[in-house]
Amino acid sequence: MRQAILCKMRRFPWFTNVTLYGCLFASGDLVHQCFTRRDLDWRQTRNVAVVAFSFHGNFSYLWMRGLERCFPGRAVSMVLKKVLLDQTVAAPLATSVFYTGVSLLEGKEDVLQDWREKFWNTYKTGLLYWPFMQLLNFLLVPLYLRTSFTGCCAFLWATFLCFSRQCGDGTMSAALAWVMSPKEAPSLTNAKEQK
């Protein structure tokens, strides 16, 4: 079965990678909601999925291939260049598209509000997670599976992003405080009342 799946991923790399990435990213929102709500907000999950499928999955697929063309191979210098470029170009872009894209789909009057309030903290938090994931990705994962691997890592990241968007401030400390004692962390209803 594993070989059959890998064969399909080699044969249809764009479709399988983007689909897996989008599904995992949207699942991150569902996990966040399961921990913070009694009733699931399917519109929110749809909005996250639309951003994931229309931008994040496709961008990741093309980005991974572009990086490999510019810096081919797994030599330490090439891998470090890919990680550096990924964190200085792709990470800020992907974070910005998430905050503004979901706000746009929700019909917010000021689609840049979440971005202004949370981007910098989220980007700094991402620097504690993504460089290590991408280092593993560029060193160990074949090119045709890199977007899927990134999607697996993005599942956890999407859970964090959705938490940050709804009731966090984009920092790891807010997310850890919520995980350790969810009753004391700001609730979803309090966050919405403040807006």
Protein backbone atom coordinates (compact mmCIF):
# COMPACT_ATOMS: atom_id res chain seq x y z
CA MET A 1 0.00 0.00 0.00
CA ARG A 2 2.81 2.40 0.91
CA GLN A 3 4.49 1.78 -2.45
CA ALA A 4 1.21 2.41 -4.28
CA ILE A 5 0.79 5.76 -2.53
CA LEU A 6 4.38 6.78 -3.24
CA CYS A 7 3.92 5.74 -6.88
CA LYS A 8 0.86 8.02 -7.17
CA MET A 9 2.79 10.85 -5.52
CA ARG A 10 5.58 10.47 -8.07
CA ARG A 11 3.12 10.25 -10.93
CA PHE A 12 0.87 13.14 -9.83
CA PRO A 13 3.13 15.22 -7.56
CA TRP A 14 1.29 18.53 -7.76
CA PHE A 15 -2.17 17.13 -7.10
CA THR A 16 -1.18 14.79 -4.27
CA ASN A 17 1.12 17.27 -2.52
CA VAL A 18 -1.28 20.22 -2.69
CA THR A 19 -4.25 18.09 -1.64
CA LEU A 20 -2.44 16.59 1.32
CA TYR A 21 -1.08 19.99 2.36
CA GLY A 22 -4.51 21.64 2.18
CA CYS A 23 -6.23 18.84 4.09
CA LEU A 24 -3.62 18.86 6.86
CA PHE A 25 -3.71 22.65 7.17
CA ALA A 26 -7.52 22.67 7.42
CA SER A 27 -7.33 19.83 9.94
CA GLY A 28 -5.15 22.04 12.11
CA ASP A 29 -8.07 24.45 12.34
CA LEU A 30 -10.41 21.62 13.29
CA VAL A 31 -8.06 20.48 16.06
CA HIS A 32 -7.88 24.02 17.38
CA GLN A 33 -11.67 24.29 17.37
CA CYS A 34 -12.10 20.93 19.11
CA PHE A 35 -10.07 22.28 22.01
CA THR A 36 -11.63 25.75 22.16
CA ARG A 37 -15.30 25.38 21.16
CA ARG A 38 -18.29 23.25 21.87
CA ASP A 39 -19.69 23.61 18.36
CA LEU A 40 -17.47 23.57 15.30
CA ASP A 41 -17.51 26.63 13.07
CA TRP A 42 -17.40 25.07 9.62
CA ARG A 43 -17.22 28.48 7.94
CA GLN A 44 -13.95 29.17 9.72
CA THR A 45 -12.57 25.80 8.64
CA ARG A 46 -13.73 26.48 5.08
CA ASN A 47 -11.93 29.83 5.10
CA VAL A 48 -8.72 28.26 6.37
CA ALA A 49 -9.06 25.47 3.77
CA VAL A 50 -9.60 27.97 0.94
CA VAL A 51 -6.41 29.82 1.89
CA ALA A 52 -4.52 26.54 2.31
CA PHE A 53 -5.62 25.05 -1.01
CA SER A 54 -5.54 28.22 -3.09
CA PHE A 55 -2.26 29.65 -1.81
CA HIS A 56 -0.28 27.71 0.79
CA GLY A 57 -0.24 24.29 -0.89
CA ASN A 58 0.44 25.65 -4.36
CA PHE A 59 3.02 28.14 -3.15
CA SER A 60 4.83 25.47 -1.15
CA TYR A 61 4.89 23.12 -4.13
CA LEU A 62 6.33 25.73 -6.49
CA TRP A 63 8.63 27.20 -3.83
CA MET A 64 10.25 23.82 -3.03
CA ARG A 65 10.93 23.22 -6.71
CA GLY A 66 12.28 26.72 -7.24
CA LEU A 67 14.64 26.41 -4.29
CA GLU A 68 15.91 23.07 -5.58
CA ARG A 69 16.56 24.54 -9.03
CA CYS A 70 18.48 27.51 -7.59
CA PHE A 71 20.35 25.53 -4.94
CA PRO A 72 20.47 21.89 -6.05
CA GLY A 73 21.57 19.06 -3.82
CA ARG A 74 21.98 18.30 -0.15
CA ALA A 75 25.40 19.83 0.50
CA VAL A 76 25.44 21.74 3.77
CA SER A 77 25.97 25.10 2.04
CA MET A 78 23.04 24.50 -0.33
CA VAL A 79 20.71 23.34 2.44
CA LEU A 80 21.58 26.33 4.62
CA LYS A 81 20.91 28.70 1.69
CA LYS A 82 17.51 27.07 1.15
CA VAL A 83 16.60 27.34 4.84
CA LEU A 84 17.75 30.98 5.02
CA LEU A 85 15.80 31.95 1.92
CA ASP A 86 12.76 30.01 3.11
CA GLN A 87 12.72 31.84 6.43
CA THR A 88 13.38 35.31 5.04
CA VAL A 89 11.07 35.20 1.99
CA ALA A 90 8.53 32.38 2.19
CA ALA A 91 7.75 32.47 5.91
CA PRO A 92 6.77 36.16 6.06
CA LEU A 93 4.75 35.82 2.86
CA ALA A 94 2.89 32.68 4.00
CA THR A 95 2.11 34.18 7.41
CA SER A 96 0.87 37.40 5.82
CA VAL A 97 -1.35 35.54 3.37
CA PHE A 98 -2.85 33.46 6.18
CA TYR A 99 -3.83 36.44 8.35
CA THR A 100 -5.06 38.65 5.51
CA GLY A 101 -6.62 35.85 3.45
CA VAL A 102 -8.76 34.47 6.25
CA SER A 103 -9.76 37.99 7.31
CA LEU A 104 -10.77 38.78 3.72
CA LEU A 105 -12.87 35.60 3.47
CA GLU A 106 -14.56 36.46 6.76
CA GLY A 107 -15.52 39.83 5.35
CA LYS A 108 -13.70 41.87 7.97
CA GLU A 109 -13.73 45.59 7.40
CA ASP A 110 -10.00 45.90 8.13
CA VAL A 111 -8.36 42.80 6.62
CA LEU A 112 -4.94 43.91 7.87
CA GLN A 113 -5.92 44.16 11.56
CA ASP A 114 -4.88 40.62 12.54
CA TRP A 115 -1.73 40.97 10.46
CA ARG A 116 -0.73 44.24 12.16
CA GLU A 117 -1.42 42.87 15.63
CA LYS A 118 0.08 39.39 15.30
CA PHE A 119 2.45 39.11 12.35
CA TRP A 120 5.72 39.98 14.07
CA ASN A 121 5.08 37.72 17.09
CA THR A 122 3.97 34.89 14.81
CA TYR A 123 7.00 35.26 12.58
CA LYS A 124 9.37 35.17 15.57
CA THR A 125 7.58 32.10 16.92
CA GLY A 126 7.87 30.46 13.51
CA LEU A 127 11.63 30.95 13.67
CA LEU A 128 11.65 28.59 16.65
CA TYR A 129 9.92 25.86 14.63
CA TRP A 130 10.28 26.14 10.86
CA PRO A 131 14.06 26.33 10.36
CA PHE A 132 14.44 22.94 12.04
CA MET A 133 11.59 21.39 10.08
CA GLN A 134 12.90 22.73 6.79
CA LEU A 135 16.44 21.62 7.62
CA LEU A 136 15.11 18.06 7.96
CA ASN A 137 13.02 18.55 4.83
CA PHE A 138 15.91 19.68 2.63
CA LEU A 139 18.35 17.13 4.04
CA LEU A 140 16.23 13.98 4.20
CA VAL A 141 13.08 14.26 2.07
CA PRO A 142 13.07 13.70 -1.69
CA LEU A 143 11.81 16.66 -3.73
CA TYR A 144 8.55 14.98 -4.78
CA LEU A 145 7.55 14.60 -1.09
CA ARG A 146 8.73 17.94 0.30
CA THR A 147 5.39 19.73 0.07
CA SER A 148 3.72 16.79 1.80
CA PHE A 149 6.33 16.83 4.55
CA THR A 150 5.83 20.58 4.91
CA GLY A 151 2.07 19.92 5.10
CA CYS A 152 2.61 17.48 7.96
CA CYS A 153 4.62 20.14 9.79
CA ALA A 154 2.00 22.73 8.84
CA PHE A 155 -0.70 20.71 10.61
CA LEU A 156 0.81 21.65 13.97
CA TRP A 157 1.62 25.16 12.74
CA ALA A 158 -1.94 25.70 11.47
CA THR A 159 -3.30 24.70 14.87
CA PHE A 160 -1.05 27.37 16.40
CA LEU A 161 -2.00 29.97 13.75
CA CYS A 162 -5.72 29.38 14.26
CA PHE A 163 -5.28 29.67 18.02
CA SER A 164 -3.31 32.91 17.55
CA ARG A 165 -5.90 34.33 15.19
CA GLN A 166 -8.83 33.57 17.48
CA CYS A 167 -7.54 34.15 20.99
CA GLY A 168 -3.76 34.42 21.07
CA ASP A 169 -1.24 37.09 20.30
CA GLY A 170 1.03 35.11 17.99
CA THR A 171 3.49 34.17 20.72
CA MET A 172 4.49 30.71 21.81
CA SER A 173 4.03 31.73 25.46
CA ALA A 174 0.31 32.45 24.92
CA ALA A 175 -0.18 29.09 23.21
CA LEU A 176 1.75 27.22 25.92
CA ALA A 177 -0.20 29.00 28.66
CA TRP A 178 -3.42 27.90 27.00
CA VAL A 179 -2.22 24.31 26.60
CA MET A 180 -1.06 24.10 30.22
CA SER A 181 -4.20 25.65 31.72
CA PRO A 182 -6.92 26.36 29.14
CA LYS A 183 -9.31 27.73 31.80
CA GLU A 184 -6.93 30.60 32.63
CA ALA A 185 -5.97 31.52 29.07
CA PRO A 186 -8.16 34.04 27.23
CA SER A 187 -11.22 32.32 25.92
CA LEU A 188 -12.55 32.60 22.42
CA THR A 189 -15.58 34.54 23.56
CA ASN A 190 -13.44 37.04 25.48
CA ALA A 191 -11.24 37.59 22.42
CA LYS A 192 -14.27 38.26 20.22
CA GLU A 193 -15.82 40.62 22.79
CA GLN A 194 -12.62 42.69 22.84
CA LYS A 195 -12.83 43.23 19.07
